[in-house]
Amino acid sequence: ILFSQFRSSLIFLLLIAMLTTLIVGDFRDGVFILGAILIN
């Protein structure tokens, strides 16, 4: 049930956004996006 929560297309989009912000170097925004993913 827990792993099925990560199969949404919105979650994939947020993961890509998180990775992009981490690659760019904006760690604070990456952590906030990760927090939103985990809370969801």
ModelCIF file with pLDDT and N, C-alpha, C, O atoms, coordinates in Angstrom:
data_MODEL
#
_entry.id   MODEL 
#
_entity.id                         1 
_entity.type                       polymer 
_entity.pdbx_number_of_molecules   1 
#
_entity_poly.entity_id                      1 
_entity_poly.type                           'polypeptide(L)' 
_entity_poly.nstd_linkage                   no 
_entity_poly.nstd_monomer                   no 
_entity_poly.pdbx_seq_one_letter_code       ILFSQFRSSLIFLLLIAMLTTLIVGDFRDGVFILGAILIN 
_entity_poly.pdbx_seq_one_letter_code_can   ILFSQFRSSLIFLLLIAMLTTLIVGDFRDGVFILGAILIN 
_entity_poly.pdbx_strand_id                 A 
#
loop_
_entity_poly_seq.entity_id 
_entity_poly_seq.num 
_entity_poly_seq.mon_id 
_entity_poly_seq.hetero 
1 1  ILE n 
1 2  LEU n 
1 3  PHE n 
1 4  SER n 
1 5  GLN n 
1 6  PHE n 
1 7  ARG n 
1 8  SER n 
1 9  SER n 
1 10 LEU n 
1 11 ILE n 
1 12 PHE n 
1 13 LEU n 
1 14 LEU n 
1 15 LEU n 
1 16 ILE n 
1 17 ALA n 
1 18 MET n 
1 19 LEU n 
1 20 THR n 
1 21 THR n 
1 22 LEU n 
1 23 ILE n 
1 24 VAL n 
1 25 GLY n 
1 26 ASP n 
1 27 PHE n 
1 28 ARG n 
1 29 ASP n 
1 30 GLY n 
1 31 VAL n 
1 32 PHE n 
1 33 ILE n 
1 34 LEU n 
1 35 GLY n 
1 36 ALA n 
1 37 ILE n 
1 38 LEU n 
1 39 ILE n 
1 40 ASN n 
#
_struct_asym.id          A 
_struct_asym.entity_id   1 
#
loop_
_ma_qa_metric.id 
_ma_qa_metric.mode 
_ma_qa_metric.name 
_ma_qa_metric.software_group_id 
_ma_qa_metric.type 
1 global pLDDT . pLDDT 
2 local  pLDDT . pLDDT 
#
_ma_qa_metric_global.metric_id      1 
_ma_qa_metric_global.metric_value   94.62 
_ma_qa_metric_global.model_id       1 
_ma_qa_metric_global.ordinal_id     1 
#
loop_
_ma_qa_metric_local.label_asym_id 
_ma_qa_metric_local.label_comp_id 
_ma_qa_metric_local.label_seq_id 
_ma_qa_metric_local.metric_id 
_ma_qa_metric_local.metric_value 
_ma_qa_metric_local.model_id 
_ma_qa_metric_local.ordinal_id 
A ILE 1  2 91.00 1 1  
A LEU 2  2 91.00 1 2  
A PHE 3  2 92.00 1 3  
A SER 4  2 92.00 1 4  
A GLN 5  2 91.00 1 5  
A PHE 6  2 91.00 1 6  
A ARG 7  2 92.00 1 7  
A SER 8  2 89.00 1 8  
A SER 9  2 92.00 1 9  
A LEU 10 2 91.00 1 10 
A ILE 11 2 93.00 1 11 
A PHE 12 2 94.00 1 12 
A LEU 13 2 96.00 1 13 
A LEU 14 2 95.00 1 14 
A LEU 15 2 95.00 1 15 
A ILE 16 2 96.00 1 16 
A ALA 17 2 96.00 1 17 
A MET 18 2 96.00 1 18 
A LEU 19 2 96.00 1 19 
A THR 20 2 97.00 1 20 
A THR 21 2 97.00 1 21 
A LEU 22 2 96.00 1 22 
A ILE 23 2 96.00 1 23 
A VAL 24 2 97.00 1 24 
A GLY 25 2 95.00 1 25 
A ASP 26 2 94.00 1 26 
A PHE 27 2 96.00 1 27 
A ARG 28 2 97.00 1 28 
A ASP 29 2 96.00 1 29 
A GLY 30 2 96.00 1 30 
A VAL 31 2 96.00 1 31 
A PHE 32 2 97.00 1 32 
A ILE 33 2 96.00 1 33 
A LEU 34 2 96.00 1 34 
A GLY 35 2 97.00 1 35 
A ALA 36 2 96.00 1 36 
A ILE 37 2 96.00 1 37 
A LEU 38 2 95.00 1 38 
A ILE 39 2 96.00 1 39 
A ASN 40 2 94.00 1 40 
#
loop_
_atom_site.group_PDB 
_atom_site.id 
_atom_site.type_symbol 
_atom_site.label_atom_id 
_atom_site.label_alt_id 
_atom_site.label_comp_id 
_atom_site.label_asym_id 
_atom_site.label_entity_id 
_atom_site.label_seq_id 
_atom_site.pdbx_PDB_ins_code 
_atom_site.Cartn_x 
_atom_site.Cartn_y 
_atom_site.Cartn_z 
_atom_site.occupancy 
_atom_site.B_iso_or_equiv 
_atom_site.pdbx_formal_charge 
_atom_site.auth_seq_id 
_atom_site.auth_comp_id 
_atom_site.auth_asym_id 
_atom_site.auth_atom_id 
_atom_site.pdbx_PDB_model_num 
ATOM 1   N N  . ILE A 1 1  ? 0.846  -1.197 0.000   1.00 91.00 ? 1  ILE A N  1 
ATOM 2   C CA . ILE A 1 1  ? 0.000  0.000  0.000   1.00 91.00 ? 1  ILE A CA 1 
ATOM 3   C C  . ILE A 1 1  ? 0.880  1.246  0.000   1.00 91.00 ? 1  ILE A C  1 
ATOM 4   O O  . ILE A 1 1  ? 0.593  2.211  -0.708  1.00 91.00 ? 1  ILE A O  1 
ATOM 5   N N  . LEU A 1 2  ? 1.949  1.228  0.791   1.00 91.00 ? 2  LEU A N  1 
ATOM 6   C CA . LEU A 1 2  ? 2.846  2.380  0.867   1.00 91.00 ? 2  LEU A CA 1 
ATOM 7   C C  . LEU A 1 2  ? 3.534  2.631  -0.476  1.00 91.00 ? 2  LEU A C  1 
ATOM 8   O O  . LEU A 1 2  ? 3.569  3.767  -0.947  1.00 91.00 ? 2  LEU A O  1 
ATOM 9   N N  . PHE A 1 3  ? 4.074  1.594  -1.088  1.00 92.00 ? 3  PHE A N  1 
ATOM 10  C CA . PHE A 1 3  ? 4.782  1.772  -2.357  1.00 92.00 ? 3  PHE A CA 1 
ATOM 11  C C  . PHE A 1 3  ? 3.839  2.142  -3.498  1.00 92.00 ? 3  PHE A C  1 
ATOM 12  O O  . PHE A 1 3  ? 4.262  2.769  -4.468  1.00 92.00 ? 3  PHE A O  1 
ATOM 13  N N  . SER A 1 4  ? 2.572  1.762  -3.393  1.00 92.00 ? 4  SER A N  1 
ATOM 14  C CA . SER A 1 4  ? 1.619  2.130  -4.439  1.00 92.00 ? 4  SER A CA 1 
ATOM 15  C C  . SER A 1 4  ? 1.351  3.635  -4.453  1.00 92.00 ? 4  SER A C  1 
ATOM 16  O O  . SER A 1 4  ? 0.855  4.164  -5.448  1.00 92.00 ? 4  SER A O  1 
ATOM 17  N N  . GLN A 1 5  ? 1.670  4.320  -3.374  1.00 91.00 ? 5  GLN A N  1 
ATOM 18  C CA . GLN A 1 5  ? 1.475  5.770  -3.316  1.00 91.00 ? 5  GLN A CA 1 
ATOM 19  C C  . GLN A 1 5  ? 2.454  6.512  -4.224  1.00 91.00 ? 5  GLN A C  1 
ATOM 20  O O  . GLN A 1 5  ? 2.219  7.672  -4.562  1.00 91.00 ? 5  GLN A O  1 
ATOM 21  N N  . PHE A 1 6  ? 3.532  5.868  -4.618  1.00 91.00 ? 6  PHE A N  1 
ATOM 22  C CA . PHE A 1 6  ? 4.557  6.508  -5.440  1.00 91.00 ? 6  PHE A CA 1 
ATOM 23  C C  . PHE A 1 6  ? 4.413  6.202  -6.926  1.00 91.00 ? 6  PHE A C  1 
ATOM 24  O O  . PHE A 1 6  ? 5.332  6.466  -7.700  1.00 91.00 ? 6  PHE A O  1 
ATOM 25  N N  . ARG A 1 7  ? 3.271  5.648  -7.334  1.00 92.00 ? 7  ARG A N  1 
ATOM 26  C CA . ARG A 1 7  ? 3.080  5.266  -8.730  1.00 92.00 ? 7  ARG A CA 1 
ATOM 27  C C  . ARG A 1 7  ? 2.255  6.270  -9.520  1.00 92.00 ? 7  ARG A C  1 
ATOM 28  O O  . ARG A 1 7  ? 1.826  5.970  -10.634 1.00 92.00 ? 7  ARG A O  1 
ATOM 29  N N  . SER A 1 8  ? 2.029  7.434  -8.975  1.00 89.00 ? 8  SER A N  1 
ATOM 30  C CA . SER A 1 8  ? 1.234  8.460  -9.635  1.00 89.00 ? 8  SER A CA 1 
ATOM 31  C C  . SER A 1 8  ? 2.107  9.285  -10.585 1.00 89.00 ? 8  SER A C  1 
ATOM 32  O O  . SER A 1 8  ? 3.298  9.476  -10.336 1.00 89.00 ? 8  SER A O  1 
ATOM 33  N N  . SER A 1 9  ? 1.513  9.764  -11.658 1.00 92.00 ? 9  SER A N  1 
ATOM 34  C CA . SER A 1 9  ? 2.264  10.599 -12.593 1.00 92.00 ? 9  SER A CA 1 
ATOM 35  C C  . SER A 1 9  ? 2.644  11.933 -11.949 1.00 92.00 ? 9  SER A C  1 
ATOM 36  O O  . SER A 1 9  ? 3.687  12.498 -12.280 1.00 92.00 ? 9  SER A O  1 
ATOM 37  N N  . LEU A 1 10 ? 1.827  12.438 -11.046 1.00 91.00 ? 10 LEU A N  1 
ATOM 38  C CA . LEU A 1 10 ? 2.164  13.672 -10.334 1.00 91.00 ? 10 LEU A CA 1 
ATOM 39  C C  . LEU A 1 10 ? 3.402  13.464 -9.462  1.00 91.00 ? 10 LEU A C  1 
ATOM 40  O O  . LEU A 1 10 ? 4.246  14.354 -9.362  1.00 91.00 ? 10 LEU A O  1 
ATOM 41  N N  . ILE A 1 11 ? 3.515  12.307 -8.838  1.00 93.00 ? 11 ILE A N  1 
ATOM 42  C CA . ILE A 1 11 ? 4.685  12.015 -8.009  1.00 93.00 ? 11 ILE A CA 1 
ATOM 43  C C  . ILE A 1 11 ? 5.928  11.943 -8.882  1.00 93.00 ? 11 ILE A C  1 
ATOM 44  O O  . ILE A 1 11 ? 6.982  12.448 -8.493  1.00 93.00 ? 11 ILE A O  1 
ATOM 45  N N  . PHE A 1 12 ? 5.826  11.320 -10.064 1.00 94.00 ? 12 PHE A N  1 
ATOM 46  C CA . PHE A 1 12 ? 6.973  11.277 -10.977 1.00 94.00 ? 12 PHE A CA 1 
ATOM 47  C C  . PHE A 1 12 ? 7.398  12.680 -11.390 1.00 94.00 ? 12 PHE A C  1 
ATOM 48  O O  . PHE A 1 12 ? 8.590  12.977 -11.468 1.00 94.00 ? 12 PHE A O  1 
ATOM 49  N N  . LEU A 1 13 ? 6.420  13.540 -11.654 1.00 96.00 ? 13 LEU A N  1 
ATOM 50  C CA . LEU A 1 13 ? 6.721  14.920 -12.017 1.00 96.00 ? 13 LEU A CA 1 
ATOM 51  C C  . LEU A 1 13 ? 7.415  15.650 -10.865 1.00 96.00 ? 13 LEU A C  1 
ATOM 52  O O  . LEU A 1 13 ? 8.372  16.392 -11.084 1.00 96.00 ? 13 LEU A O  1 
ATOM 53  N N  . LEU A 1 14 ? 6.934  15.440 -9.647  1.00 95.00 ? 14 LEU A N  1 
ATOM 54  C CA . LEU A 1 14 ? 7.570  16.068 -8.488  1.00 95.00 ? 14 LEU A CA 1 
ATOM 55  C C  . LEU A 1 14 ? 8.976  15.522 -8.250  1.00 95.00 ? 14 LEU A C  1 
ATOM 56  O O  . LEU A 1 14 ? 9.867  16.272 -7.851  1.00 95.00 ? 14 LEU A O  1 
ATOM 57  N N  . LEU A 1 15 ? 9.188  14.232 -8.488  1.00 95.00 ? 15 LEU A N  1 
ATOM 58  C CA . LEU A 1 15 ? 10.535 13.662 -8.347  1.00 95.00 ? 15 LEU A CA 1 
ATOM 59  C C  . LEU A 1 15 ? 11.503 14.265 -9.360  1.00 95.00 ? 15 LEU A C  1 
ATOM 60  O O  . LEU A 1 15 ? 12.657 14.545 -9.036  1.00 95.00 ? 15 LEU A O  1 
ATOM 61  N N  . ILE A 1 16 ? 11.027 14.463 -10.587 1.00 96.00 ? 16 ILE A N  1 
ATOM 62  C CA . ILE A 1 16 ? 11.870 15.103 -11.605 1.00 96.00 ? 16 ILE A CA 1 
ATOM 63  C C  . ILE A 1 16 ? 12.184 16.536 -11.203 1.00 96.00 ? 16 ILE A C  1 
ATOM 64  O O  . ILE A 1 16 ? 13.314 16.998 -11.361 1.00 96.00 ? 16 ILE A O  1 
ATOM 65  N N  . ALA A 1 17 ? 11.178 17.243 -10.681 1.00 96.00 ? 17 ALA A N  1 
ATOM 66  C CA . ALA A 1 17 ? 11.409 18.615 -10.228 1.00 96.00 ? 17 ALA A CA 1 
ATOM 67  C C  . ALA A 1 17 ? 12.401 18.643 -9.072  1.00 96.00 ? 17 ALA A C  1 
ATOM 68  O O  . ALA A 1 17 ? 13.261 19.522 -9.010  1.00 96.00 ? 17 ALA A O  1 
ATOM 69  N N  . MET A 1 18 ? 12.284 17.690 -8.161  1.00 96.00 ? 18 MET A N  1 
ATOM 70  C CA . MET A 1 18 ? 13.204 17.627 -7.032  1.00 96.00 ? 18 MET A CA 1 
ATOM 71  C C  . MET A 1 18 ? 14.632 17.365 -7.512  1.00 96.00 ? 18 MET A C  1 
ATOM 72  O O  . MET A 1 18 ? 15.568 18.029 -7.067  1.00 96.00 ? 18 MET A O  1 
ATOM 73  N N  . LEU A 1 19 ? 14.800 16.405 -8.412  1.00 96.00 ? 19 LEU A N  1 
ATOM 74  C CA . LEU A 1 19 ? 16.129 16.102 -8.937  1.00 96.00 ? 19 LEU A CA 1 
ATOM 75  C C  . LEU A 1 19 ? 16.724 17.289 -9.686  1.00 96.00 ? 19 LEU A C  1 
ATOM 76  O O  . LEU A 1 19 ? 17.919 17.571 -9.590  1.00 96.00 ? 19 LEU A O  1 
ATOM 77  N N  . THR A 1 20 ? 15.865 17.978 -10.434 1.00 97.00 ? 20 THR A N  1 
ATOM 78  C CA . THR A 1 20 ? 16.336 19.149 -11.179 1.00 97.00 ? 20 THR A CA 1 
ATOM 79  C C  . THR A 1 20 ? 16.815 20.238 -10.223 1.00 97.00 ? 20 THR A C  1 
ATOM 80  O O  . THR A 1 20 ? 17.873 20.830 -10.440 1.00 97.00 ? 20 THR A O  1 
ATOM 81  N N  . THR A 1 21 ? 16.056 20.504 -9.180  1.00 97.00 ? 21 THR A N  1 
ATOM 82  C CA . THR A 1 21 ? 16.469 21.545 -8.236  1.00 97.00 ? 21 THR A CA 1 
ATOM 83  C C  . THR A 1 21 ? 17.723 21.142 -7.476  1.00 97.00 ? 21 THR A C  1 
ATOM 84  O O  . THR A 1 21 ? 18.549 21.995 -7.151  1.00 97.00 ? 21 THR A O  1 
ATOM 85  N N  . LEU A 1 22 ? 17.878 19.857 -7.189  1.00 96.00 ? 22 LEU A N  1 
ATOM 86  C CA . LEU A 1 22 ? 19.093 19.415 -6.503  1.00 96.00 ? 22 LEU A CA 1 
ATOM 87  C C  . LEU A 1 22 ? 20.307 19.524 -7.430  1.00 96.00 ? 22 LEU A C  1 
ATOM 88  O O  . LEU A 1 22 ? 21.390 19.898 -6.981  1.00 96.00 ? 22 LEU A O  1 
ATOM 89  N N  . ILE A 1 23 ? 20.141 19.204 -8.718  1.00 96.00 ? 23 ILE A N  1 
ATOM 90  C CA . ILE A 1 23 ? 21.240 19.305 -9.674  1.00 96.00 ? 23 ILE A CA 1 
ATOM 91  C C  . ILE A 1 23 ? 21.654 20.767 -9.850  1.00 96.00 ? 23 ILE A C  1 
ATOM 92  O O  . ILE A 1 23 ? 22.840 21.079 -9.953  1.00 96.00 ? 23 ILE A O  1 
ATOM 93  N N  . VAL A 1 24 ? 20.664 21.652 -9.884  1.00 97.00 ? 24 VAL A N  1 
ATOM 94  C CA . VAL A 1 24 ? 20.948 23.076 -10.040 1.00 97.00 ? 24 VAL A CA 1 
ATOM 95  C C  . VAL A 1 24 ? 21.634 23.624 -8.792  1.00 97.00 ? 24 VAL A C  1 
ATOM 96  O O  . VAL A 1 24 ? 22.368 24.609 -8.865  1.00 97.00 ? 24 VAL A O  1 
ATOM 97  N N  . GLY A 1 25 ? 21.401 22.997 -7.669  1.00 95.00 ? 25 GLY A N  1 
ATOM 98  C CA . GLY A 1 25 ? 22.050 23.424 -6.436  1.00 95.00 ? 25 GLY A CA 1 
ATOM 99  C C  . GLY A 1 25 ? 21.127 24.106 -5.451  1.00 95.00 ? 25 GLY A C  1 
ATOM 100 O O  . GLY A 1 25 ? 21.586 24.625 -4.434  1.00 95.00 ? 25 GLY A O  1 
ATOM 101 N N  . ASP A 1 26 ? 19.839 24.115 -5.729  1.00 94.00 ? 26 ASP A N  1 
ATOM 102 C CA . ASP A 1 26 ? 18.880 24.724 -4.816  1.00 94.00 ? 26 ASP A CA 1 
ATOM 103 C C  . ASP A 1 26 ? 18.366 23.646 -3.862  1.00 94.00 ? 26 ASP A C  1 
ATOM 104 O O  . ASP A 1 26 ? 17.273 23.107 -4.036  1.00 94.00 ? 26 ASP A O  1 
ATOM 105 N N  . PHE A 1 27 ? 19.177 23.349 -2.857  1.00 96.00 ? 27 PHE A N  1 
ATOM 106 C CA . PHE A 1 27 ? 18.898 22.229 -1.959  1.00 96.00 ? 27 PHE A CA 1 
ATOM 107 C C  . PHE A 1 27 ? 17.657 22.458 -1.101  1.00 96.00 ? 27 PHE A C  1 
ATOM 108 O O  . PHE A 1 27 ? 16.928 21.514 -0.796  1.00 96.00 ? 27 PHE A O  1 
ATOM 109 N N  . ARG A 1 28 ? 17.419 23.701 -0.716  1.00 97.00 ? 28 ARG A N  1 
ATOM 110 C CA . ARG A 1 28 ? 16.255 23.986 0.130   1.00 97.00 ? 28 ARG A CA 1 
ATOM 111 C C  . ARG A 1 28 ? 14.955 23.645 -0.598  1.00 97.00 ? 28 ARG A C  1 
ATOM 112 O O  . ARG A 1 28 ? 14.078 22.994 -0.031  1.00 97.00 ? 28 ARG A O  1 
ATOM 113 N N  . ASP A 1 29 ? 14.829 24.081 -1.844  1.00 96.00 ? 29 ASP A N  1 
ATOM 114 C CA . ASP A 1 29 ? 13.623 23.758 -2.612  1.00 96.00 ? 29 ASP A CA 1 
ATOM 115 C C  . ASP A 1 29 ? 13.503 22.255 -2.861  1.00 96.00 ? 29 ASP A C  1 
ATOM 116 O O  . ASP A 1 29 ? 12.400 21.710 -2.837  1.00 96.00 ? 29 ASP A O  1 
ATOM 117 N N  . GLY A 1 30 ? 14.626 21.588 -3.099  1.00 96.00 ? 30 GLY A N  1 
ATOM 118 C CA . GLY A 1 30 ? 14.605 20.136 -3.282  1.00 96.00 ? 30 GLY A CA 1 
ATOM 119 C C  . GLY A 1 30 ? 14.104 19.408 -2.061  1.00 96.00 ? 30 GLY A C  1 
ATOM 120 O O  . GLY A 1 30 ? 13.362 18.432 -2.171  1.00 96.00 ? 30 GLY A O  1 
ATOM 121 N N  . VAL A 1 31 ? 14.510 19.880 -0.890  1.00 96.00 ? 31 VAL A N  1 
ATOM 122 C CA . VAL A 1 31 ? 14.057 19.266 0.364   1.00 96.00 ? 31 VAL A CA 1 
ATOM 123 C C  . VAL A 1 31 ? 12.565 19.532 0.579   1.00 96.00 ? 31 VAL A C  1 
ATOM 124 O O  . VAL A 1 31 ? 11.843 18.656 1.056   1.00 96.00 ? 31 VAL A O  1 
ATOM 125 N N  . PHE A 1 32 ? 12.103 20.726 0.232   1.00 97.00 ? 32 PHE A N  1 
ATOM 126 C CA . PHE A 1 32 ? 10.678 21.029 0.365   1.00 97.00 ? 32 PHE A CA 1 
ATOM 127 C C  . PHE A 1 32 ? 9.839  20.170 -0.578  1.00 97.00 ? 32 PHE A C  1 
ATOM 128 O O  . PHE A 1 32 ? 8.765  19.699 -0.201  1.00 97.00 ? 32 PHE A O  1 
ATOM 129 N N  . ILE A 1 33 ? 10.320 19.968 -1.791  1.00 96.00 ? 33 ILE A N  1 
ATOM 130 C CA . ILE A 1 33 ? 9.592  19.108 -2.734  1.00 96.00 ? 33 ILE A CA 1 
ATOM 131 C C  . ILE A 1 33 ? 9.568  17.675 -2.218  1.00 96.00 ? 33 ILE A C  1 
ATOM 132 O O  . ILE A 1 33 ? 8.538  17.004 -2.298  1.00 96.00 ? 33 ILE A O  1 
ATOM 133 N N  . LEU A 1 34 ? 10.693 17.201 -1.691  1.00 96.00 ? 34 LEU A N  1 
ATOM 134 C CA . LEU A 1 34 ? 10.734 15.858 -1.104  1.00 96.00 ? 34 LEU A CA 1 
ATOM 135 C C  . LEU A 1 34 ? 9.758  15.752 0.063   1.00 96.00 ? 34 LEU A C  1 
ATOM 136 O O  . LEU A 1 34 ? 9.077  14.738 0.217   1.00 96.00 ? 34 LEU A O  1 
ATOM 137 N N  . GLY A 1 35 ? 9.689  16.791 0.877   1.00 97.00 ? 35 GLY A N  1 
ATOM 138 C CA . GLY A 1 35 ? 8.735  16.801 1.991   1.00 97.00 ? 35 GLY A CA 1 
ATOM 139 C C  . GLY A 1 35 ? 7.302  16.711 1.501   1.00 97.00 ? 35 GLY A C  1 
ATOM 140 O O  . GLY A 1 35 ? 6.488  15.999 2.089   1.00 97.00 ? 35 GLY A O  1 
ATOM 141 N N  . ALA A 1 36 ? 6.982  17.431 0.423   1.00 96.00 ? 36 ALA A N  1 
ATOM 142 C CA . ALA A 1 36 ? 5.627  17.368 -0.141  1.00 96.00 ? 36 ALA A CA 1 
ATOM 143 C C  . ALA A 1 36 ? 5.315  15.970 -0.656  1.00 96.00 ? 36 ALA A C  1 
ATOM 144 O O  . ALA A 1 36 ? 4.200  15.477 -0.487  1.00 96.00 ? 36 ALA A O  1 
ATOM 145 N N  . ILE A 1 37 ? 6.296  15.333 -1.282  1.00 96.00 ? 37 ILE A N  1 
ATOM 146 C CA . ILE A 1 37 ? 6.108  13.971 -1.787  1.00 96.00 ? 37 ILE A CA 1 
ATOM 147 C C  . ILE A 1 37 ? 5.840  13.012 -0.627  1.00 96.00 ? 37 ILE A C  1 
ATOM 148 O O  . ILE A 1 37 ? 4.927  12.189 -0.695  1.00 96.00 ? 37 ILE A O  1 
ATOM 149 N N  . LEU A 1 38 ? 6.633  13.121 0.432   1.00 95.00 ? 38 LEU A N  1 
ATOM 150 C CA . LEU A 1 38 ? 6.475  12.216 1.575   1.00 95.00 ? 38 LEU A CA 1 
ATOM 151 C C  . LEU A 1 38 ? 5.171  12.451 2.322   1.00 95.00 ? 38 LEU A C  1 
ATOM 152 O O  . LEU A 1 38 ? 4.514  11.496 2.736   1.00 95.00 ? 38 LEU A O  1 
ATOM 153 N N  . ILE A 1 39 ? 4.787  13.716 2.499   1.00 96.00 ? 39 ILE A N  1 
ATOM 154 C CA . ILE A 1 39 ? 3.518  14.007 3.175   1.00 96.00 ? 39 ILE A CA 1 
ATOM 155 C C  . ILE A 1 39 ? 2.353  13.460 2.363   1.00 96.00 ? 39 ILE A C  1 
ATOM 156 O O  . ILE A 1 39 ? 1.429  12.866 2.919   1.00 96.00 ? 39 ILE A O  1 
ATOM 157 N N  . ASN A 1 40 ? 2.393  13.656 1.058   1.00 94.00 ? 40 ASN A N  1 
ATOM 158 C CA . ASN A 1 40 ? 1.346  13.123 0.188   1.00 94.00 ? 40 ASN A CA 1 
ATOM 159 C C  . ASN A 1 40 ? 1.271  11.598 0.288   1.00 94.00 ? 40 ASN A C  1 
ATOM 160 O O  . ASN A 1 40 ? 0.443  10.976 -0.378  1.00 94.00 ? 40 ASN A O  1 
#
